[in-house]
Amino acid sequence: MNPITSLVTIIFAAIGALLFVAGLQAAGIGFAILAVLTAFSLKMANNWERFVILRAGKLSSVKGPGLFVIIPVIDSVTAVIDERIQTTQFNAEQALTRDTVPVNVDAVVFWHVHDAQRAALNITDYRSAIDRVAQTSLREMIGASHLSALLAERKAADEVLRTEIAGKTADWGISVNSVEIRDVAIPVALQDAMSRQAQAEREKEARVILGSAEAAIAAKFVEAARTYAGEPAALHLRAMNIIYETTKERGATILIPTSMVDSMSVALPAAMAQAGALGGKS
């Protein structure tokens, strides 16, 4: 009994008692009967509730929200339907994917009742039915999916599952808002194999990138060699620069053959003189 009905019932009962004590037995009895009728006939539904009313066994109406009155004995409240969004957790254990891999999948479905009449009259227990339908649909979806798609395309699997559950529960007055797959657990041995496969793929990509870099470097070396072939002075300056760069490290000892030093000290001025002479003739 809701608080408003209780309050009204108590008031009528108190008035009846006072009238009976005052000697007005008929009025007192009348208010007592009114109190009893109020207790059985005045109902209140919250904003999210719908009361399904049967009159002599047949559907009369769906009441709510707010206060309403039913006829005692003739009318009966067969169900009180909560139209707020509900959640149902479900899972599938050791379900085989399309490529015969056993997986354990945990999921949750968000749903609400949009038609209280169907939810009350078309099915005995819609909450348990949603749980069974969700589990069955999850196993069907797993059996039709490859493991790679189940792991990589989680959003698509959620949508497929939502559509499947919504189609089966539409006649019960239930709307499925969304389905979310929370976890996909695979065997430990398969996890190790997939880890090795992923590592091999990363190593393959790294080797391809390294090979591309080596090819680009080799092309630059060929271009530099062609430049140095026509410019001896540039080659010797580059050699001297390399030697200078290596000697900047503290504590490093560089051994250079004297023949190399002599060739650099002689060839560099000659190359520069030759370049100057060619510039003067032009």
C-alpha atoms as a PDB file:
ATOM      1  CA  MET A   1       0.000   0.000   0.000  1.00  0.00           C
ATOM      2  CA  ASN A   2       1.339   3.384  -1.001  1.00  0.00           C
ATOM      3  CA  PRO A   3       1.669   6.284   1.522  1.00  0.00           C
ATOM      4  CA  ILE A   4      -1.240   8.312   0.090  1.00  0.00           C
ATOM      5  CA  THR A   5      -3.639   5.376   0.245  1.00  0.00           C
ATOM      6  CA  SER A   6      -2.511   4.607   3.773  1.00  0.00           C
ATOM      7  CA  LEU A   7      -3.065   8.206   4.874  1.00  0.00           C
ATOM      8  CA  VAL A   8      -6.535   8.449   3.350  1.00  0.00           C
ATOM      9  CA  THR A   9      -7.489   5.079   4.828  1.00  0.00           C
ATOM     10  CA  ILE A  10      -6.334   6.123   8.291  1.00  0.00           C
ATOM     11  CA  ILE A  11      -8.251   9.404   8.065  1.00  0.00           C
ATOM     12  CA  PHE A  12     -11.506   7.669   7.062  1.00  0.00           C
ATOM     13  CA  ALA A  13     -11.019   5.043   9.752  1.00  0.00           C
ATOM     14  CA  ALA A  14     -10.375   7.713  12.414  1.00  0.00           C
ATOM     15  CA  ILE A  15     -13.456   9.684  11.387  1.00  0.00           C
ATOM     16  CA  GLY A  16     -15.528   6.515  11.500  1.00  0.00           C
ATOM     17  CA  ALA A  17     -14.225   5.678  14.958  1.00  0.00           C
ATOM     18  CA  LEU A  18     -14.986   9.173  16.275  1.00  0.00           C
ATOM     19  CA  LEU A  19     -18.518   9.081  14.827  1.00  0.00           C
ATOM     20  CA  PHE A  20     -19.103   5.629  16.297  1.00  0.00           C
ATOM     21  CA  VAL A  21     -17.946   6.804  19.734  1.00  0.00           C
ATOM     22  CA  ALA A  22     -20.140   9.917  19.414  1.00  0.00           C
ATOM     23  CA  GLY A  23     -23.163   7.706  18.960  1.00  0.00           C
ATOM     24  CA  LEU A  24     -23.502   8.023  15.205  1.00  0.00           C
ATOM     25  CA  GLN A  25     -23.107   4.327  14.537  1.00  0.00           C
ATOM     26  CA  ALA A  26     -24.439   4.379  10.988  1.00  0.00           C
ATOM     27  CA  ALA A  27     -22.112   7.179   9.881  1.00  0.00           C
ATOM     28  CA  GLY A  28     -19.220   5.537  11.700  1.00  0.00           C
ATOM     29  CA  ILE A  29     -19.838   2.217   9.967  1.00  0.00           C
ATOM     30  CA  GLY A  30     -20.119   4.047   6.642  1.00  0.00           C
ATOM     31  CA  PHE A  31     -16.728   5.693   7.079  1.00  0.00           C
ATOM     32  CA  ALA A  32     -15.232   2.362   8.170  1.00  0.00           C
ATOM     33  CA  ILE A  33     -16.500   0.737   4.959  1.00  0.00           C
ATOM     34  CA  LEU A  34     -15.169   3.701   2.980  1.00  0.00           C
ATOM     35  CA  ALA A  35     -11.771   3.211   4.613  1.00  0.00           C
ATOM     36  CA  VAL A  36     -11.725  -0.458   3.598  1.00  0.00           C
ATOM     37  CA  LEU A  37     -12.761   0.366   0.031  1.00  0.00           C
ATOM     38  CA  THR A  38     -10.065   3.051  -0.172  1.00  0.00           C
ATOM     39  CA  ALA A  39      -7.406   0.609   0.969  1.00  0.00           C
ATOM     40  CA  PHE A  40      -8.309  -1.821  -1.824  1.00  0.00           C
ATOM     41  CA  SER A  41      -9.219   0.600  -4.626  1.00  0.00           C
ATOM     42  CA  LEU A  42      -6.917   3.646  -4.468  1.00  0.00           C
ATOM     43  CA  LYS A  43      -3.576   2.923  -6.149  1.00  0.00           C
ATOM     44  CA  MET A  44      -0.576   5.034  -7.038  1.00  0.00           C
ATOM     45  CA  ALA A  45       2.014   4.418  -9.772  1.00  0.00           C
ATOM     46  CA  ASN A  46       5.397   6.099  -9.803  1.00  0.00           C
ATOM     47  CA  ASN A  47       6.556   7.961 -12.887  1.00  0.00           C
ATOM     48  CA  TRP A  48       8.432   4.895 -14.220  1.00  0.00           C
ATOM     49  CA  GLU A  49       5.731   2.327 -13.363  1.00  0.00           C
ATOM     50  CA  ARG A  50       2.764   1.010 -15.336  1.00  0.00           C
ATOM     51  CA  PHE A  51      -0.003  -1.069 -13.732  1.00  0.00           C
ATOM     52  CA  VAL A  52      -1.694  -3.645 -15.975  1.00  0.00           C
ATOM     53  CA  ILE A  53      -5.331  -4.008 -14.845  1.00  0.00           C
ATOM     54  CA  LEU A  54      -7.534  -7.045 -15.545  1.00  0.00           C
ATOM     55  CA  ARG A  55     -11.296  -6.810 -15.075  1.00  0.00           C
ATOM     56  CA  ALA A  56     -12.918 -10.182 -14.566  1.00  0.00           C
ATOM     57  CA  GLY A  57      -9.900 -11.820 -16.196  1.00  0.00           C
ATOM     58  CA  LYS A  58      -9.841  -9.586 -19.280  1.00  0.00           C
ATOM     59  CA  LEU A  59      -7.523  -6.699 -20.024  1.00  0.00           C
ATOM     60  CA  SER A  60      -9.112  -3.491 -18.798  1.00  0.00           C
ATOM     61  CA  SER A  61      -6.408  -0.839 -18.989  1.00  0.00           C
ATOM     62  CA  VAL A  62      -2.820   0.122 -18.274  1.00  0.00           C
ATOM     63  CA  LYS A  63      -2.614   2.772 -15.546  1.00  0.00           C
ATOM     64  CA  GLY A  64       0.119   5.146 -14.489  1.00  0.00           C
ATOM     65  CA  PRO A  65       1.782   7.303 -13.525  1.00  0.00           C
ATOM     66  CA  GLY A  66      -0.156   8.958 -10.663  1.00  0.00           C
ATOM     67  CA  LEU A  67      -3.230   8.058  -8.633  1.00  0.00           C
ATOM     68  CA  PHE A  68      -6.008   5.878 -10.032  1.00  0.00           C
ATOM     69  CA  VAL A  69      -8.919   3.830  -8.745  1.00  0.00           C
ATOM     70  CA  ILE A  70      -9.851   0.220  -9.427  1.00  0.00           C
ATOM     71  CA  ILE A  71     -12.989  -1.721  -8.539  1.00  0.00           C
ATOM     72  CA  PRO A  72     -12.218  -4.081  -5.656  1.00  0.00           C
ATOM     73  CA  VAL A  73     -12.738  -7.803  -6.302  1.00  0.00           C
ATOM     74  CA  ILE A  74     -13.651  -7.247  -9.969  1.00  0.00           C
ATOM     75  CA  ASP A  75     -10.403  -5.531 -10.960  1.00  0.00           C
ATOM     76  CA  SER A  76      -6.954  -6.924 -10.234  1.00  0.00           C
ATOM     77  CA  VAL A  77      -3.419  -5.664 -10.808  1.00  0.00           C
ATOM     78  CA  THR A  78      -1.788  -8.481 -12.743  1.00  0.00           C
ATOM     79  CA  ALA A  79       1.614  -6.841 -13.188  1.00  0.00           C
ATOM     80  CA  VAL A  80       3.591  -3.748 -12.267  1.00  0.00           C
ATOM     81  CA  ILE A  81       6.008  -2.959 -15.112  1.00  0.00           C
ATOM     82  CA  ASP A  82       9.152  -0.890 -14.604  1.00  0.00           C
ATOM     83  CA  GLU A  83       9.863   1.130 -17.767  1.00  0.00           C
ATOM     84  CA  ARG A  84      13.316   2.345 -16.724  1.00  0.00           C
ATOM     85  CA  ILE A  85      16.426   1.104 -18.525  1.00  0.00           C
ATOM     86  CA  GLN A  86      17.491  -2.272 -17.162  1.00  0.00           C
ATOM     87  CA  THR A  87      20.776  -4.176 -17.485  1.00  0.00           C
ATOM     88  CA  THR A  88      21.239  -7.913 -17.861  1.00  0.00           C
ATOM     89  CA  GLN A  89      24.651  -9.563 -17.711  1.00  0.00           C
ATOM     90  CA  PHE A  90      25.158 -12.784 -19.641  1.00  0.00           C
ATOM     91  CA  ASN A  91      28.028 -14.934 -20.841  1.00  0.00           C
ATOM     92  CA  ALA A  92      28.993 -17.876 -23.026  1.00  0.00           C
ATOM     93  CA  GLU A  93      31.592 -20.360 -21.816  1.00  0.00           C
ATOM     94  CA  GLN A  94      33.699 -22.553 -24.110  1.00  0.00           C
ATOM     95  CA  ALA A  95      31.763 -21.433 -27.170  1.00  0.00           C
ATOM     96  CA  LEU A  96      33.400 -22.370 -30.475  1.00  0.00           C
ATOM     97  CA  THR A  97      34.066 -19.684 -33.059  1.00  0.00           C
ATOM     98  CA  ARG A  98      33.774 -20.285 -36.780  1.00  0.00           C
ATOM     99  CA  ASP A  99      37.459 -21.287 -36.884  1.00  0.00           C
ATOM    100  CA  THR A 100      36.879 -23.740 -33.970  1.00  0.00           C
ATOM    101  CA  VAL A 101      38.549 -21.757 -31.197  1.00  0.00           C
ATOM    102  CA  PRO A 102      36.941 -22.083 -27.741  1.00  0.00           C
ATOM    103  CA  VAL A 103      36.324 -18.690 -26.115  1.00  0.00           C
ATOM    104  CA  ASN A 104      34.646 -17.331 -22.991  1.00  0.00           C
ATOM    105  CA  VAL A 105      32.688 -14.138 -23.663  1.00  0.00           C
ATOM    106  CA  ASP A 106      31.087 -11.798 -21.111  1.00  0.00           C
ATOM    107  CA  ALA A 107      28.549  -9.194 -22.245  1.00  0.00           C
ATOM    108  CA  VAL A 108      25.819  -6.891 -20.938  1.00  0.00           C
ATOM    109  CA  VAL A 109      22.575  -5.797 -22.600  1.00  0.00           C
ATOM    110  CA  PHE A 110      20.769  -2.504 -21.874  1.00  0.00           C
ATOM    111  CA  TRP A 111      17.002  -2.673 -22.450  1.00  0.00           C
ATOM    112  CA  HIS A 112      13.675  -1.186 -21.392  1.00  0.00           C
ATOM    113  CA  VAL A 113       9.982  -2.003 -21.649  1.00  0.00           C
ATOM    114  CA  HIS A 114       8.182   0.250 -24.123  1.00  0.00           C
ATOM    115  CA  ASP A 115       4.854  -1.624 -24.111  1.00  0.00           C
ATOM    116  CA  ALA A 116       3.722  -2.691 -20.638  1.00  0.00           C
ATOM    117  CA  GLN A 117       0.681  -4.556 -21.985  1.00  0.00           C
ATOM    118  CA  ARG A 118       2.764  -6.909 -24.146  1.00  0.00           C
ATOM    119  CA  ALA A 119       5.363  -7.434 -21.422  1.00  0.00           C
ATOM    120  CA  ALA A 120       2.634  -8.493 -18.987  1.00  0.00           C
ATOM    121  CA  LEU A 121       0.418 -10.568 -21.284  1.00  0.00           C
ATOM    122  CA  ASN A 122       2.654 -12.033 -24.014  1.00  0.00           C
ATOM    123  CA  ILE A 123       5.257 -13.704 -21.816  1.00  0.00           C
ATOM    124  CA  THR A 124       5.402 -15.146 -18.309  1.00  0.00           C
ATOM    125  CA  ASP A 125       8.719 -13.704 -17.090  1.00  0.00           C
ATOM    126  CA  TYR A 126      10.295 -11.278 -19.529  1.00  0.00           C
ATOM    127  CA  ARG A 127      13.409 -10.739 -17.394  1.00  0.00           C
ATOM    128  CA  SER A 128      14.397 -14.407 -17.451  1.00  0.00           C
ATOM    129  CA  ALA A 129      13.447 -14.637 -21.124  1.00  0.00           C
ATOM    130  CA  ILE A 130      15.805 -11.781 -22.024  1.00  0.00           C
ATOM    131  CA  ASP A 131      18.642 -13.543 -20.229  1.00  0.00           C
ATOM    132  CA  ARG A 132      18.009 -16.787 -22.138  1.00  0.00           C
ATOM    133  CA  VAL A 133      17.625 -15.038 -25.488  1.00  0.00           C
ATOM    134  CA  ALA A 134      20.804 -13.017 -24.923  1.00  0.00           C
ATOM    135  CA  GLN A 135      22.847 -16.143 -24.130  1.00  0.00           C
ATOM    136  CA  THR A 136      21.492 -18.000 -27.159  1.00  0.00           C
ATOM    137  CA  SER A 137      22.116 -15.045 -29.481  1.00  0.00           C
ATOM    138  CA  LEU A 138      25.644 -14.651 -28.120  1.00  0.00           C
ATOM    139  CA  ARG A 139      26.491 -18.288 -28.864  1.00  0.00           C
ATOM    140  CA  GLU A 140      25.018 -17.997 -32.352  1.00  0.00           C
ATOM    141  CA  MET A 141      27.056 -14.865 -33.035  1.00  0.00           C
ATOM    142  CA  ILE A 142      30.261 -16.484 -31.756  1.00  0.00           C
ATOM    143  CA  GLY A 143      29.683 -19.557 -33.929  1.00  0.00           C
ATOM    144  CA  ALA A 144      29.272 -17.377 -37.018  1.00  0.00           C
ATOM    145  CA  SER A 145      32.357 -15.199 -36.356  1.00  0.00           C
ATOM    146  CA  HIS A 146      36.077 -15.762 -36.749  1.00  0.00           C
ATOM    147  CA  LEU A 147      38.232 -15.143 -33.678  1.00  0.00           C
ATOM    148  CA  SER A 148      40.140 -12.313 -35.358  1.00  0.00           C
ATOM    149  CA  ALA A 149      36.886 -10.497 -36.206  1.00  0.00           C
ATOM    150  CA  LEU A 150      35.555 -11.040 -32.691  1.00  0.00           C
ATOM    151  CA  LEU A 151      38.679  -9.469 -31.197  1.00  0.00           C
ATOM    152  CA  ALA A 152      39.276  -6.652 -33.685  1.00  0.00           C
ATOM    153  CA  GLU A 153      35.721  -5.666 -34.666  1.00  0.00           C
ATOM    154  CA  ARG A 154      34.091  -5.431 -31.238  1.00  0.00           C
ATOM    155  CA  LYS A 155      31.679  -2.624 -32.205  1.00  0.00           C
ATOM    156  CA  ALA A 156      30.377  -4.556 -35.204  1.00  0.00           C
ATOM    157  CA  ALA A 157      29.832  -7.640 -33.038  1.00  0.00           C
ATOM    158  CA  ASP A 158      27.936  -5.508 -30.501  1.00  0.00           C
ATOM    159  CA  GLU A 159      25.617  -4.204 -33.195  1.00  0.00           C
ATOM    160  CA  VAL A 160      24.975  -7.668 -34.652  1.00  0.00           C
ATOM    161  CA  LEU A 161      24.142  -8.972 -31.194  1.00  0.00           C
ATOM    162  CA  ARG A 162      21.861  -6.006 -30.421  1.00  0.00           C
ATOM    163  CA  THR A 163      19.917  -6.482 -33.653  1.00  0.00           C
ATOM    164  CA  GLU A 164      19.501 -10.213 -33.027  1.00  0.00           C
ATOM    165  CA  ILE A 165      18.227  -9.773 -29.446  1.00  0.00           C
ATOM    166  CA  ALA A 166      15.948  -6.871 -30.412  1.00  0.00           C
ATOM    167  CA  GLY A 167      14.332  -8.937 -33.159  1.00  0.00           C
ATOM    168  CA  LYS A 168      13.517 -11.768 -30.752  1.00  0.00           C
ATOM    169  CA  THR A 169      12.143  -9.544 -27.949  1.00  0.00           C
ATOM    170  CA  ALA A 170      10.130  -7.028 -30.002  1.00  0.00           C
ATOM    171  CA  ASP A 171       6.878  -9.011 -29.565  1.00  0.00           C
ATOM    172  CA  TRP A 172       7.298  -8.773 -25.790  1.00  0.00           C
ATOM    173  CA  GLY A 173       7.180  -4.959 -25.814  1.00  0.00           C
ATOM    174  CA  ILE A 174      10.899  -4.685 -25.081  1.00  0.00           C
ATOM    175  CA  SER A 175      13.402  -2.399 -26.800  1.00  0.00           C
ATOM    176  CA  VAL A 176      17.118  -3.186 -26.730  1.00  0.00           C
ATOM    177  CA  ASN A 177      19.165  -0.005 -26.379  1.00  0.00           C
ATOM    178  CA  SER A 178      22.642  -1.466 -26.737  1.00  0.00           C
ATOM    179  CA  VAL A 179      24.795  -4.534 -26.178  1.00  0.00           C
ATOM    180  CA  GLU A 180      28.416  -4.352 -25.029  1.00  0.00           C
ATOM    181  CA  ILE A 181      30.879  -7.251 -25.107  1.00  0.00           C
ATOM    182  CA  ARG A 182      33.036  -6.696 -22.037  1.00  0.00           C
ATOM    183  CA  ASP A 183      35.614  -9.457 -22.344  1.00  0.00           C
ATOM    184  CA  VAL A 184      36.732 -12.190 -24.731  1.00  0.00           C
ATOM    185  CA  ALA A 185      38.930 -14.794 -23.051  1.00  0.00           C
ATOM    186  CA  ILE A 186      40.902 -17.260 -25.167  1.00  0.00           C
ATOM    187  CA  PRO A 187      43.023 -20.287 -24.106  1.00  0.00           C
ATOM    188  CA  VAL A 188      46.483 -19.548 -22.684  1.00  0.00           C
ATOM    189  CA  ALA A 189      48.231 -21.672 -25.314  1.00  0.00           C
ATOM    190  CA  LEU A 190      46.522 -19.710 -28.067  1.00  0.00           C
ATOM    191  CA  GLN A 191      47.481 -16.443 -26.381  1.00  0.00           C
ATOM    192  CA  ASP A 192      51.147 -17.479 -26.524  1.00  0.00           C
ATOM    193  CA  ALA A 193      50.839 -18.426 -30.195  1.00  0.00           C
ATOM    194  CA  MET A 194      49.152 -15.126 -31.043  1.00  0.00           C
ATOM    195  CA  SER A 195      51.850 -13.252 -29.114  1.00  0.00           C
ATOM    196  CA  ARG A 196      54.593 -14.982 -31.105  1.00  0.00           C
ATOM    197  CA  GLN A 197      52.745 -14.279 -34.338  1.00  0.00           C
ATOM    198  CA  ALA A 198      52.411 -10.588 -33.461  1.00  0.00           C
ATOM    199  CA  GLN A 199      56.120 -10.418 -32.574  1.00  0.00           C
ATOM    200  CA  ALA A 200      57.031 -12.058 -35.875  1.00  0.00           C
ATOM    201  CA  GLU A 201      54.878  -9.548 -37.749  1.00  0.00           C
ATOM    202  CA  ARG A 202      56.582  -6.649 -35.960  1.00  0.00           C
ATOM    203  CA  GLU A 203      60.034  -8.060 -36.767  1.00  0.00           C
ATOM    204  CA  LYS A 204      58.995  -8.482 -40.396  1.00  0.00           C
ATOM    205  CA  GLU A 205      57.851  -4.863 -40.596  1.00  0.00           C
ATOM    206  CA  ALA A 206      61.071  -3.704 -38.919  1.00  0.00           C
ATOM    207  CA  ARG A 207      63.201  -5.596 -41.446  1.00  0.00           C
ATOM    208  CA  VAL A 208      61.214  -4.170 -44.348  1.00  0.00           C
ATOM    209  CA  ILE A 209      61.672  -0.636 -43.003  1.00  0.00           C
ATOM    210  CA  LEU A 210      65.391  -1.272 -42.447  1.00  0.00           C
ATOM    211  CA  GLY A 211      65.783  -2.598 -45.993  1.00  0.00           C
ATOM    212  CA  SER A 212      64.040   0.473 -47.399  1.00  0.00           C
ATOM    213  CA  ALA A 213      66.331   2.716 -45.370  1.00  0.00           C
ATOM    214  CA  GLU A 214      69.420   0.823 -46.593  1.00  0.00           C
ATOM    215  CA  ALA A 215      68.288   1.221 -50.204  1.00  0.00           C
ATOM    216  CA  ALA A 216      67.772   4.962 -49.734  1.00  0.00           C
ATOM    217  CA  ILE A 217      71.193   5.318 -48.071  1.00  0.00           C
ATOM    218  CA  ALA A 218      72.867   3.366 -50.861  1.00  0.00           C
ATOM    219  CA  ALA A 219      71.284   5.673 -53.446  1.00  0.00           C
ATOM    220  CA  LYS A 220      72.636   8.693 -51.597  1.00  0.00           C
ATOM    221  CA  PHE A 221      76.085   7.110 -51.440  1.00  0.00           C
ATOM    222  CA  VAL A 222      76.030   6.570 -55.209  1.00  0.00           C
ATOM    223  CA  GLU A 223      75.075  10.208 -55.731  1.00  0.00           C
ATOM    224  CA  ALA A 224      77.840  11.365 -53.365  1.00  0.00           C
ATOM    225  CA  ALA A 225      80.414   9.154 -55.124  1.00  0.00           C
ATOM    226  CA  ARG A 226      79.566  10.719 -58.467  1.00  0.00           C
ATOM    227  CA  THR A 227      80.016  14.169 -56.964  1.00  0.00           C
ATOM    228  CA  TYR A 228      83.360  13.301 -55.357  1.00  0.00           C
ATOM    229  CA  ALA A 229      84.597  11.666 -58.588  1.00  0.00           C
ATOM    230  CA  GLY A 230      84.599  15.050 -60.333  1.00  0.00           C
ATOM    231  CA  GLU A 231      85.716  17.059 -57.313  1.00  0.00           C
ATOM    232  CA  PRO A 232      88.901  15.658 -55.683  1.00  0.00           C
ATOM    233  CA  ALA A 233      89.168  18.649 -53.368  1.00  0.00           C
ATOM    234  CA  ALA A 234      85.692  17.946 -51.969  1.00  0.00           C
ATOM    235  CA  LEU A 235      86.659  14.323 -51.330  1.00  0.00           C
ATOM    236  CA  HIS A 236      89.758  15.287 -49.371  1.00  0.00           C
ATOM    237  CA  LEU A 237      87.869  17.940 -47.402  1.00  0.00           C
ATOM    238  CA  ARG A 238      85.307  15.315 -46.497  1.00  0.00           C
ATOM    239  CA  ALA A 239      88.023  12.938 -45.375  1.00  0.00           C
ATOM    240  CA  MET A 240      89.578  15.635 -43.199  1.00  0.00           C
ATOM    241  CA  ASN A 241      86.193  16.434 -41.716  1.00  0.00           C
ATOM    242  CA  ILE A 242      85.636  12.789 -40.843  1.00  0.00           C
ATOM    243  CA  ILE A 243      89.007  12.655 -39.098  1.00  0.00           C
ATOM    244  CA  TYR A 244      88.176  15.830 -37.175  1.00  0.00           C
ATOM    245  CA  GLU A 245      84.827  14.475 -36.058  1.00  0.00           C
ATOM    246  CA  THR A 246      86.399  11.268 -34.771  1.00  0.00           C
ATOM    247  CA  THR A 247      89.073  13.142 -32.782  1.00  0.00           C
ATOM    248  CA  LYS A 248      86.507  15.172 -30.847  1.00  0.00           C
ATOM    249  CA  GLU A 249      85.812  12.249 -28.548  1.00  0.00           C
ATOM    250  CA  ARG A 250      87.855  12.531 -25.363  1.00  0.00           C
ATOM    251  CA  GLY A 251      90.327   9.744 -24.733  1.00  0.00           C
ATOM    252  CA  ALA A 252      90.051   8.444 -28.290  1.00  0.00           C
ATOM    253  CA  THR A 253      93.202   7.374 -30.092  1.00  0.00           C
ATOM    254  CA  ILE A 254      93.121   7.519 -33.899  1.00  0.00           C
ATOM    255  CA  LEU A 255      95.783   5.734 -35.958  1.00  0.00           C
ATOM    256  CA  ILE A 256      96.167   7.195 -39.466  1.00  0.00           C
ATOM    257  CA  PRO A 257      98.693   5.818 -41.975  1.00  0.00           C
ATOM    258  CA  THR A 258     101.350   8.396 -42.943  1.00  0.00           C
ATOM    259  CA  SER A 259     100.729   7.658 -46.581  1.00  0.00           C
ATOM    260  CA  MET A 260      97.148   8.848 -46.180  1.00  0.00           C
ATOM    261  CA  VAL A 261      98.234  12.038 -44.430  1.00  0.00           C
ATOM    262  CA  ASP A 262     100.895  12.725 -47.095  1.00  0.00           C
ATOM    263  CA  SER A 263      98.455  12.180 -49.925  1.00  0.00           C
ATOM    264  CA  MET A 264      96.002  14.563 -48.319  1.00  0.00           C
ATOM    265  CA  SER A 265      98.621  17.285 -47.696  1.00  0.00           C
ATOM    266  CA  VAL A 266      99.881  17.081 -51.280  1.00  0.00           C
ATOM    267  CA  ALA A 267      96.773  16.350 -53.238  1.00  0.00           C
ATOM    268  CA  LEU A 268      94.589  18.990 -51.630  1.00  0.00           C
ATOM    269  CA  PRO A 269      96.697  22.058 -52.654  1.00  0.00           C
ATOM    270  CA  ALA A 270      97.188  20.583 -56.135  1.00  0.00           C
ATOM    271  CA  ALA A 271      93.482  20.030 -56.547  1.00  0.00           C
ATOM    272  CA  MET A 272      92.718  23.551 -55.365  1.00  0.00           C
ATOM    273  CA  ALA A 273      95.352  25.002 -57.723  1.00  0.00           C
ATOM    274  CA  GLN A 274      93.933  23.023 -60.616  1.00  0.00           C
ATOM    275  CA  ALA A 275      90.482  24.281 -59.811  1.00  0.00           C
ATOM    276  CA  GLY A 276      91.771  27.893 -59.713  1.00  0.00           C
ATOM    277  CA  ALA A 277      93.532  27.512 -63.083  1.00  0.00           C
ATOM    278  CA  LEU A 278      90.413  26.190 -64.683  1.00  0.00           C
ATOM    279  CA  GLY A 279      88.478  29.105 -63.249  1.00  0.00           C
ATOM    280  CA  GLY A 280      91.019  31.651 -64.643  1.00  0.00           C
ATOM    281  CA  LYS A 281      90.879  30.176 -68.178  1.00  0.00           C
ATOM    282  CA  SER A 282      87.124  30.425 -68.188  1.00  0.00           C
END
